[in-house]
Amino acid sequence: MEHFNNKRRNSDLHQGGSDEGRYKADVAYAVGKKHWGQGIGTTAVKMAVSSALKEFPDLVRFQGFVDVENKASQRVLEKAGFTQEGLLKKCLFGKGRFWDLYVYSYLPSELKLL
């Protein structure tokens, strides 16, 4: 239902490369249509963020990308304490067209889970 991608690579740390990825995680989720509107996505995101913070204490940023037309998914992140940061125009190409995405973030140092 949810996915976190902590891009931490030990080889980067030991070879002087960027370890920027160890501080942020991408959030993605999907909820089956018959379960829409029940708060499952919001609950799952909150639980996953809480768990990830315990397992990866260096995380300072969680981010999610949402289709501008997907109001329900935007609401999931907002109810989970995420803030909309901006619009990425023609960010993704799929199904024969370009997609505009909103980027959302959750910064544990600035916000608390609802």
N, C-alpha and C. Protein backbone atom coordinates (compact mmCIF):
# COMPACT_ATOMS: atom_id res chain seq x y z
N MET A 1 0.81 -1.18 0.00
CA MET A 1 0.00 0.00 0.00
C MET A 1 0.86 1.26 0.00
N GLU A 2 1.97 1.26 0.68
CA GLU A 2 2.85 2.41 0.68
C GLU A 2 4.28 1.96 0.37
N HIS A 3 5.10 2.89 0.00
CA HIS A 3 6.47 2.56 -0.36
C HIS A 3 7.38 3.71 0.02
N PHE A 4 8.48 3.39 0.62
CA PHE A 4 9.49 4.39 0.91
C PHE A 4 10.76 4.00 0.20
N ASN A 5 11.40 4.96 -0.41
CA ASN A 5 12.62 4.70 -1.13
C ASN A 5 13.72 5.53 -0.47
N ASN A 6 14.43 4.92 0.47
CA ASN A 6 15.54 5.60 1.12
C ASN A 6 16.77 5.29 0.29
N LYS A 7 17.27 6.29 -0.44
CA LYS A 7 18.31 6.09 -1.43
C LYS A 7 19.72 6.08 -0.82
N ARG A 8 19.84 5.53 0.33
CA ARG A 8 21.12 5.48 1.03
C ARG A 8 21.98 4.37 0.43
N ARG A 9 23.19 4.72 0.03
CA ARG A 9 24.11 3.73 -0.52
C ARG A 9 25.44 3.83 0.20
N ASN A 10 25.85 2.74 0.81
CA ASN A 10 27.11 2.73 1.55
C ASN A 10 28.29 3.09 0.68
N SER A 11 28.26 2.69 -0.59
CA SER A 11 29.39 3.00 -1.47
C SER A 11 29.57 4.51 -1.61
N ASP A 12 28.47 5.27 -1.65
CA ASP A 12 28.56 6.73 -1.72
C ASP A 12 29.22 7.30 -0.48
N LEU A 13 28.89 6.74 0.68
CA LEU A 13 29.43 7.25 1.93
C LEU A 13 30.93 7.01 2.03
N HIS A 14 31.37 5.88 1.57
CA HIS A 14 32.77 5.52 1.70
C HIS A 14 33.65 6.02 0.58
N GLN A 15 33.06 6.42 -0.53
CA GLN A 15 33.85 6.87 -1.67
C GLN A 15 33.78 8.39 -1.85
N GLY A 16 33.28 9.07 -0.85
CA GLY A 16 33.25 10.54 -0.93
C GLY A 16 32.13 11.07 -1.81
N GLY A 17 31.22 10.22 -2.26
CA GLY A 17 30.11 10.66 -3.09
C GLY A 17 29.04 11.31 -2.25
N SER A 18 27.98 11.72 -2.91
CA SER A 18 26.87 12.36 -2.22
C SER A 18 26.11 11.36 -1.38
N ASP A 19 25.81 11.73 -0.16
CA ASP A 19 24.93 10.88 0.65
C ASP A 19 23.63 11.61 0.93
N GLU A 20 23.27 12.53 0.03
CA GLU A 20 22.05 13.31 0.14
C GLU A 20 20.82 12.40 0.28
N GLY A 21 20.81 11.26 -0.41
CA GLY A 21 19.68 10.36 -0.41
C GLY A 21 19.36 9.76 0.94
N ARG A 22 20.29 9.74 1.85
CA ARG A 22 20.03 9.14 3.16
C ARG A 22 19.14 10.02 4.02
N TYR A 23 18.91 11.25 3.58
CA TYR A 23 18.12 12.20 4.37
C TYR A 23 16.69 12.38 3.87
N LYS A 24 16.35 11.76 2.74
CA LYS A 24 14.99 11.93 2.23
C LYS A 24 14.43 10.60 1.74
N ALA A 25 13.10 10.53 1.74
CA ALA A 25 12.42 9.31 1.32
C ALA A 25 11.21 9.69 0.46
N ASP A 26 10.99 8.92 -0.59
CA ASP A 26 9.82 9.11 -1.44
C ASP A 26 8.66 8.27 -0.90
N VAL A 27 7.48 8.83 -0.96
CA VAL A 27 6.27 8.15 -0.50
C VAL A 27 5.37 7.90 -1.71
N ALA A 28 4.92 6.66 -1.84
CA ALA A 28 3.96 6.31 -2.89
C ALA A 28 3.00 5.28 -2.31
N TYR A 29 1.79 5.26 -2.81
CA TYR A 29 0.79 4.35 -2.26
C TYR A 29 -0.29 4.12 -3.31
N ALA A 30 -1.04 3.07 -3.12
CA ALA A 30 -2.21 2.77 -3.95
C ALA A 30 -3.24 2.09 -3.06
N VAL A 31 -4.48 2.46 -3.25
CA VAL A 31 -5.58 1.86 -2.50
C VAL A 31 -6.58 1.33 -3.52
N GLY A 32 -7.00 0.08 -3.35
CA GLY A 32 -7.99 -0.50 -4.26
C GLY A 32 -9.27 0.31 -4.28
N LYS A 33 -9.86 0.41 -5.46
CA LYS A 33 -11.04 1.25 -5.66
C LYS A 33 -12.16 0.96 -4.66
N LYS A 34 -12.38 -0.30 -4.31
CA LYS A 34 -13.48 -0.62 -3.40
C LYS A 34 -13.21 -0.12 -1.97
N HIS A 35 -11.97 0.32 -1.69
CA HIS A 35 -11.61 0.81 -0.37
C HIS A 35 -11.43 2.33 -0.32
N TRP A 36 -11.69 3.01 -1.44
CA TRP A 36 -11.55 4.46 -1.46
C TRP A 36 -12.50 5.11 -0.46
N GLY A 37 -12.06 6.24 0.09
CA GLY A 37 -12.92 7.04 0.96
C GLY A 37 -13.04 6.52 2.39
N GLN A 38 -12.23 5.55 2.76
CA GLN A 38 -12.31 4.98 4.10
C GLN A 38 -11.16 5.42 5.00
N GLY A 39 -10.27 6.28 4.50
CA GLY A 39 -9.15 6.74 5.31
C GLY A 39 -7.97 5.78 5.36
N ILE A 40 -8.02 4.74 4.56
CA ILE A 40 -6.97 3.72 4.58
C ILE A 40 -5.64 4.30 4.10
N GLY A 41 -5.67 5.08 3.03
CA GLY A 41 -4.43 5.66 2.51
C GLY A 41 -3.77 6.59 3.51
N THR A 42 -4.56 7.45 4.12
CA THR A 42 -4.03 8.39 5.12
C THR A 42 -3.43 7.64 6.30
N THR A 43 -4.15 6.66 6.80
CA THR A 43 -3.65 5.86 7.93
C THR A 43 -2.35 5.16 7.57
N ALA A 44 -2.31 4.59 6.38
CA ALA A 44 -1.10 3.87 5.94
C ALA A 44 0.10 4.81 5.82
N VAL A 45 -0.12 5.99 5.25
CA VAL A 45 0.98 6.95 5.11
C VAL A 45 1.49 7.38 6.48
N LYS A 46 0.59 7.69 7.40
CA LYS A 46 1.00 8.09 8.75
C LYS A 46 1.81 6.99 9.43
N MET A 47 1.32 5.75 9.32
CA MET A 47 2.02 4.62 9.95
C MET A 47 3.39 4.40 9.32
N ALA A 48 3.45 4.51 8.00
CA ALA A 48 4.71 4.29 7.30
C ALA A 48 5.74 5.36 7.63
N VAL A 49 5.31 6.62 7.69
CA VAL A 49 6.22 7.72 8.05
C VAL A 49 6.75 7.51 9.46
N SER A 50 5.86 7.19 10.38
CA SER A 50 6.27 6.97 11.77
C SER A 50 7.28 5.83 11.87
N SER A 51 7.02 4.75 11.18
CA SER A 51 7.91 3.59 11.18
C SER A 51 9.27 3.93 10.55
N ALA A 52 9.22 4.65 9.43
CA ALA A 52 10.47 5.01 8.74
C ALA A 52 11.33 5.91 9.60
N LEU A 53 10.70 6.83 10.35
CA LEU A 53 11.47 7.72 11.23
C LEU A 53 12.18 6.95 12.33
N LYS A 54 11.56 5.89 12.81
CA LYS A 54 12.19 5.06 13.84
C LYS A 54 13.35 4.25 13.25
N GLU A 55 13.15 3.72 12.04
CA GLU A 55 14.16 2.88 11.43
C GLU A 55 15.30 3.68 10.80
N PHE A 56 15.00 4.87 10.30
CA PHE A 56 15.99 5.72 9.63
C PHE A 56 15.99 7.10 10.29
N PRO A 57 16.63 7.26 11.43
CA PRO A 57 16.55 8.52 12.18
C PRO A 57 17.18 9.72 11.47
N ASP A 58 17.96 9.50 10.42
CA ASP A 58 18.57 10.61 9.68
C ASP A 58 17.60 11.28 8.72
N LEU A 59 16.42 10.69 8.50
CA LEU A 59 15.48 11.26 7.54
C LEU A 59 14.99 12.62 8.00
N VAL A 60 15.09 13.60 7.11
CA VAL A 60 14.60 14.95 7.41
C VAL A 60 13.51 15.37 6.44
N ARG A 61 13.30 14.56 5.38
CA ARG A 61 12.32 14.94 4.36
C ARG A 61 11.67 13.69 3.78
N PHE A 62 10.34 13.75 3.71
CA PHE A 62 9.55 12.77 2.97
C PHE A 62 8.89 13.55 1.84
N GLN A 63 8.80 12.94 0.66
CA GLN A 63 8.19 13.64 -0.45
C GLN A 63 7.31 12.70 -1.26
N GLY A 64 6.23 13.27 -1.79
CA GLY A 64 5.31 12.51 -2.61
C GLY A 64 4.93 13.33 -3.83
N PHE A 65 4.67 12.64 -4.93
CA PHE A 65 4.31 13.29 -6.19
C PHE A 65 2.92 12.81 -6.60
N VAL A 66 2.01 13.75 -6.90
CA VAL A 66 0.62 13.42 -7.15
C VAL A 66 0.13 14.10 -8.42
N ASP A 67 -0.58 13.35 -9.25
CA ASP A 67 -1.22 13.89 -10.45
C ASP A 67 -2.13 15.05 -10.04
N VAL A 68 -2.05 16.17 -10.74
CA VAL A 68 -2.86 17.34 -10.39
C VAL A 68 -4.36 17.06 -10.45
N GLU A 69 -4.76 16.07 -11.21
CA GLU A 69 -6.19 15.74 -11.32
C GLU A 69 -6.66 14.78 -10.23
N ASN A 70 -5.74 14.21 -9.46
CA ASN A 70 -6.10 13.22 -8.45
C ASN A 70 -6.31 13.91 -7.09
N LYS A 71 -7.48 14.50 -6.93
CA LYS A 71 -7.79 15.25 -5.71
C LYS A 71 -7.79 14.36 -4.47
N ALA A 72 -8.24 13.12 -4.60
CA ALA A 72 -8.30 12.21 -3.45
C ALA A 72 -6.89 11.91 -2.93
N SER A 73 -5.95 11.70 -3.84
CA SER A 73 -4.58 11.41 -3.42
C SER A 73 -3.93 12.64 -2.79
N GLN A 74 -4.24 13.80 -3.31
CA GLN A 74 -3.74 15.03 -2.71
C GLN A 74 -4.25 15.15 -1.28
N ARG A 75 -5.51 14.81 -1.08
CA ARG A 75 -6.12 14.87 0.25
C ARG A 75 -5.48 13.88 1.21
N VAL A 76 -5.11 12.70 0.71
CA VAL A 76 -4.43 11.70 1.56
C VAL A 76 -3.18 12.31 2.16
N LEU A 77 -2.35 12.92 1.32
CA LEU A 77 -1.09 13.49 1.83
C LEU A 77 -1.36 14.68 2.76
N GLU A 78 -2.32 15.52 2.40
CA GLU A 78 -2.63 16.67 3.26
C GLU A 78 -3.11 16.21 4.63
N LYS A 79 -3.97 15.21 4.68
CA LYS A 79 -4.48 14.71 5.95
C LYS A 79 -3.40 13.99 6.76
N ALA A 80 -2.35 13.53 6.07
CA ALA A 80 -1.23 12.88 6.76
C ALA A 80 -0.18 13.89 7.21
N GLY A 81 -0.43 15.19 7.00
CA GLY A 81 0.48 16.22 7.47
C GLY A 81 1.46 16.75 6.44
N PHE A 82 1.30 16.35 5.19
CA PHE A 82 2.18 16.82 4.12
C PHE A 82 1.72 18.19 3.62
N THR A 83 2.65 18.97 3.10
CA THR A 83 2.38 20.30 2.57
C THR A 83 2.70 20.32 1.07
N GLN A 84 1.79 20.91 0.30
CA GLN A 84 2.04 21.05 -1.14
C GLN A 84 3.12 22.11 -1.34
N GLU A 85 4.18 21.74 -2.05
CA GLU A 85 5.29 22.66 -2.28
C GLU A 85 5.26 23.32 -3.64
N GLY A 86 4.77 22.62 -4.64
CA GLY A 86 4.80 23.22 -5.96
C GLY A 86 4.24 22.32 -7.03
N LEU A 87 4.26 22.85 -8.25
CA LEU A 87 3.74 22.18 -9.42
C LEU A 87 4.89 21.86 -10.38
N LEU A 88 4.96 20.63 -10.81
CA LEU A 88 5.96 20.21 -11.78
C LEU A 88 5.23 19.97 -13.11
N LYS A 89 5.35 20.90 -14.03
CA LYS A 89 4.63 20.82 -15.31
C LYS A 89 5.31 19.85 -16.26
N LYS A 90 4.47 19.04 -16.90
CA LYS A 90 4.95 18.06 -17.89
C LYS A 90 6.11 17.24 -17.33
N CYS A 91 5.94 16.81 -16.11
CA CYS A 91 6.99 16.14 -15.36
C CYS A 91 7.14 14.66 -15.74
N LEU A 92 6.06 14.07 -16.19
CA LEU A 92 6.03 12.64 -16.42
C LEU A 92 5.35 12.37 -17.75
N PHE A 93 5.86 11.37 -18.49
CA PHE A 93 5.20 10.98 -19.73
C PHE A 93 4.74 9.54 -19.58
N GLY A 94 3.47 9.31 -19.85
CA GLY A 94 2.91 7.96 -19.79
C GLY A 94 1.53 7.93 -20.40
N LYS A 95 1.14 6.77 -20.85
CA LYS A 95 -0.19 6.59 -21.46
C LYS A 95 -0.40 7.59 -22.59
N GLY A 96 0.68 7.90 -23.31
CA GLY A 96 0.59 8.75 -24.49
C GLY A 96 0.46 10.24 -24.24
N ARG A 97 0.72 10.68 -23.01
CA ARG A 97 0.62 12.11 -22.73
C ARG A 97 1.57 12.52 -21.60
N PHE A 98 1.73 13.84 -21.46
CA PHE A 98 2.52 14.38 -20.36
C PHE A 98 1.59 14.65 -19.18
N TRP A 99 2.15 14.49 -17.98
CA TRP A 99 1.39 14.67 -16.75
C TRP A 99 2.02 15.77 -15.91
N ASP A 100 1.18 16.61 -15.35
CA ASP A 100 1.61 17.61 -14.37
C ASP A 100 1.44 16.99 -12.99
N LEU A 101 2.43 17.20 -12.13
CA LEU A 101 2.40 16.63 -10.79
C LEU A 101 2.60 17.71 -9.74
N TYR A 102 1.91 17.56 -8.62
CA TYR A 102 2.21 18.37 -7.45
C TYR A 102 3.23 17.61 -6.62
N VAL A 103 4.15 18.36 -6.03
CA VAL A 103 5.10 17.76 -5.10
C VAL A 103 4.67 18.18 -3.69
N TYR A 104 4.62 17.17 -2.82
CA TYR A 104 4.26 17.37 -1.41
C TYR A 104 5.44 16.96 -0.55
N SER A 105 5.57 17.60 0.61
CA SER A 105 6.65 17.21 1.52
C SER A 105 6.13 17.14 2.95
N TYR A 106 6.81 16.34 3.72
CA TYR A 106 6.61 16.26 5.16
C TYR A 106 7.99 16.41 5.77
N LEU A 107 8.17 17.45 6.57
CA LEU A 107 9.44 17.72 7.24
C LEU A 107 9.23 17.51 8.74
N PRO A 108 9.70 16.40 9.27
CA PRO A 108 9.45 16.11 10.70
C PRO A 108 9.86 17.24 11.64
N SER A 109 10.87 17.99 11.29
CA SER A 109 11.33 19.07 12.18
C SER A 109 10.34 20.24 12.23
N GLU A 110 9.49 20.37 11.22
CA GLU A 110 8.56 21.50 11.15
C GLU A 110 7.12 21.12 11.45
N LEU A 111 6.76 19.86 11.24
CA LEU A 111 5.37 19.45 11.35
C LEU A 111 5.23 18.24 12.26
N LYS A 112 4.03 17.99 12.68
CA LYS A 112 3.72 16.79 13.44
C LYS A 112 2.63 16.04 12.70
N LEU A 113 2.69 14.70 12.78
CA LEU A 113 1.62 13.91 12.19
C LEU A 113 0.31 14.25 12.87
N LEU A 114 -0.74 14.35 12.09
CA LEU A 114 -2.07 14.67 12.66
C LEU A 114 -2.61 13.51 13.46
